[in-house]
Amino acid sequence: MSDDGTLDVSIDHDMCIGAGQCALTAPGVFTQDDDGFGTVLPGRRDGGGDPLVREAARACPVGAVTVRGIRGEGETAAGERVR
């Protein structure tokens, strides 16, 4: 979460292979672009209050989705802690 309690959700577009697991798991936060690669929906970088956003990050087979919380800590798709 950021200082105001929101998340920072992002996708590493260089890593994304277009598996679509993020969009299937949390369609209110993620979608796929015209080329089939995952992207965060406009206005949803804060996770949109979706309780499945962290599960969507864990579902990514290549770890392209990151959900960061307070002080920049977060999880990658593999559930690894990142700073």
C-alpha atoms as a PDB file:
ATOM      1  CA  MET A   1       0.000   0.000   0.000  1.00  0.00           C
ATOM      2  CA  SER A   2       1.123   3.534  -0.533  1.00  0.00           C
ATOM      3  CA  ASP A   3       1.101   6.118   2.220  1.00  0.00           C
ATOM      4  CA  ASP A   4      -2.633   6.621   1.659  1.00  0.00           C
ATOM      5  CA  GLY A   5      -3.373   2.882   1.993  1.00  0.00           C
ATOM      6  CA  THR A   6      -3.673   2.014  -1.687  1.00  0.00           C
ATOM      7  CA  LEU A   7      -1.756  -0.542  -3.687  1.00  0.00           C
ATOM      8  CA  ASP A   8       0.481   0.019  -6.683  1.00  0.00           C
ATOM      9  CA  VAL A   9      -0.231  -2.623  -9.327  1.00  0.00           C
ATOM     10  CA  SER A  10       1.948  -2.954 -12.411  1.00  0.00           C
ATOM     11  CA  ILE A  11       2.852  -5.333 -15.229  1.00  0.00           C
ATOM     12  CA  ASP A  12       6.358  -5.677 -16.641  1.00  0.00           C
ATOM     13  CA  HIS A  13       5.522  -5.609 -20.340  1.00  0.00           C
ATOM     14  CA  ASP A  14       8.956  -6.975 -21.255  1.00  0.00           C
ATOM     15  CA  MET A  15       8.213 -10.125 -19.219  1.00  0.00           C
ATOM     16  CA  CYS A  16       4.528 -10.597 -20.076  1.00  0.00           C
ATOM     17  CA  ILE A  17       3.806 -13.538 -22.397  1.00  0.00           C
ATOM     18  CA  GLY A  18       0.061 -12.903 -22.710  1.00  0.00           C
ATOM     19  CA  ALA A  19      -1.133 -15.919 -20.718  1.00  0.00           C
ATOM     20  CA  GLY A  20      -4.105 -13.851 -19.518  1.00  0.00           C
ATOM     21  CA  GLN A  21      -4.201 -15.248 -15.989  1.00  0.00           C
ATOM     22  CA  CYS A  22      -4.262 -11.749 -14.488  1.00  0.00           C
ATOM     23  CA  ALA A  23      -7.309 -10.739 -16.558  1.00  0.00           C
ATOM     24  CA  LEU A  24      -9.078 -14.019 -15.811  1.00  0.00           C
ATOM     25  CA  THR A  25      -8.440 -13.758 -12.073  1.00  0.00           C
ATOM     26  CA  ALA A  26      -9.138 -10.052 -11.519  1.00  0.00           C
ATOM     27  CA  PRO A  27     -10.997  -8.690 -14.574  1.00  0.00           C
ATOM     28  CA  GLY A  28     -11.858  -5.508 -12.699  1.00  0.00           C
ATOM     29  CA  VAL A  29      -8.166  -4.580 -12.559  1.00  0.00           C
ATOM     30  CA  PHE A  30      -6.526  -6.262 -15.571  1.00  0.00           C
ATOM     31  CA  THR A  31      -7.277  -6.721 -19.241  1.00  0.00           C
ATOM     32  CA  GLN A  32      -5.388  -7.748 -22.349  1.00  0.00           C
ATOM     33  CA  ASP A  33      -4.349  -5.235 -24.985  1.00  0.00           C
ATOM     34  CA  ASP A  34      -4.906  -5.627 -28.725  1.00  0.00           C
ATOM     35  CA  ASP A  35      -1.780  -7.807 -28.958  1.00  0.00           C
ATOM     36  CA  GLY A  36      -2.974 -10.095 -26.146  1.00  0.00           C
ATOM     37  CA  PHE A  37      -0.593  -8.860 -23.462  1.00  0.00           C
ATOM     38  CA  GLY A  38      -1.726  -8.048 -19.936  1.00  0.00           C
ATOM     39  CA  THR A  39      -2.305  -4.476 -18.905  1.00  0.00           C
ATOM     40  CA  VAL A  40      -3.737  -2.679 -15.895  1.00  0.00           C
ATOM     41  CA  LEU A  41      -7.067  -1.025 -16.611  1.00  0.00           C
ATOM     42  CA  PRO A  42      -7.092   2.789 -16.566  1.00  0.00           C
ATOM     43  CA  GLY A  43      -7.606   4.066 -13.051  1.00  0.00           C
ATOM     44  CA  ARG A  44      -6.921   0.673 -11.466  1.00  0.00           C
ATOM     45  CA  ARG A  45      -3.218   0.944 -10.602  1.00  0.00           C
ATOM     46  CA  ASP A  46      -4.395   1.115  -6.977  1.00  0.00           C
ATOM     47  CA  GLY A  47      -5.991  -2.328  -7.267  1.00  0.00           C
ATOM     48  CA  GLY A  48      -9.501  -0.911  -7.346  1.00  0.00           C
ATOM     49  CA  GLY A  49     -10.272  -2.543  -4.023  1.00  0.00           C
ATOM     50  CA  ASP A  50     -10.351  -5.935  -5.739  1.00  0.00           C
ATOM     51  CA  PRO A  51      -9.599  -8.672  -3.200  1.00  0.00           C
ATOM     52  CA  LEU A  52      -8.246 -10.916  -5.987  1.00  0.00           C
ATOM     53  CA  VAL A  53      -5.512  -8.578  -7.204  1.00  0.00           C
ATOM     54  CA  ARG A  54      -2.780 -10.361  -5.206  1.00  0.00           C
ATOM     55  CA  GLU A  55      -4.049 -13.736  -6.394  1.00  0.00           C
ATOM     56  CA  ALA A  56      -3.848 -12.428  -9.967  1.00  0.00           C
ATOM     57  CA  ALA A  57      -0.185 -11.546  -9.390  1.00  0.00           C
ATOM     58  CA  ARG A  58       0.498 -15.047  -8.055  1.00  0.00           C
ATOM     59  CA  ALA A  59      -1.326 -16.564 -11.058  1.00  0.00           C
ATOM     60  CA  CYS A  60       1.044 -14.981 -13.597  1.00  0.00           C
ATOM     61  CA  PRO A  61       3.257 -17.816 -14.879  1.00  0.00           C
ATOM     62  CA  VAL A  62       6.246 -15.549 -15.553  1.00  0.00           C
ATOM     63  CA  GLY A  63       6.009 -13.131 -12.611  1.00  0.00           C
ATOM     64  CA  ALA A  64       5.208 -10.091 -14.748  1.00  0.00           C
ATOM     65  CA  VAL A  65       2.580  -8.733 -12.336  1.00  0.00           C
ATOM     66  CA  THR A  66       3.706  -6.866  -9.237  1.00  0.00           C
ATOM     67  CA  VAL A  67       1.527  -5.652  -6.389  1.00  0.00           C
ATOM     68  CA  ARG A  68       3.370  -3.247  -4.145  1.00  0.00           C
ATOM     69  CA  GLY A  69       2.229  -2.103  -0.770  1.00  0.00           C
ATOM     70  CA  ILE A  70       3.405   0.332   1.869  1.00  0.00           C
ATOM     71  CA  ARG A  71       7.068   1.413   1.615  1.00  0.00           C
ATOM     72  CA  GLY A  72       7.350  -0.229  -1.820  1.00  0.00           C
ATOM     73  CA  GLU A  73       7.035  -3.793  -0.527  1.00  0.00           C
ATOM     74  CA  GLY A  74       4.952  -6.197  -2.542  1.00  0.00           C
ATOM     75  CA  GLU A  75       4.671  -9.565  -4.217  1.00  0.00           C
ATOM     76  CA  THR A  76       5.505 -10.882  -7.643  1.00  0.00           C
ATOM     77  CA  ALA A  77       3.556 -13.641  -9.331  1.00  0.00           C
ATOM     78  CA  ALA A  78       5.576 -16.299  -7.524  1.00  0.00           C
ATOM     79  CA  GLY A  79       4.647 -14.737  -4.211  1.00  0.00           C
ATOM     80  CA  GLU A  80       8.194 -13.464  -3.736  1.00  0.00           C
ATOM     81  CA  ARG A  81       8.584 -10.369  -1.631  1.00  0.00           C
ATOM     82  CA  VAL A  82       9.899  -7.353  -3.534  1.00  0.00           C
ATOM     83  CA  ARG A  83      11.080  -3.953  -2.362  1.00  0.00           C
END
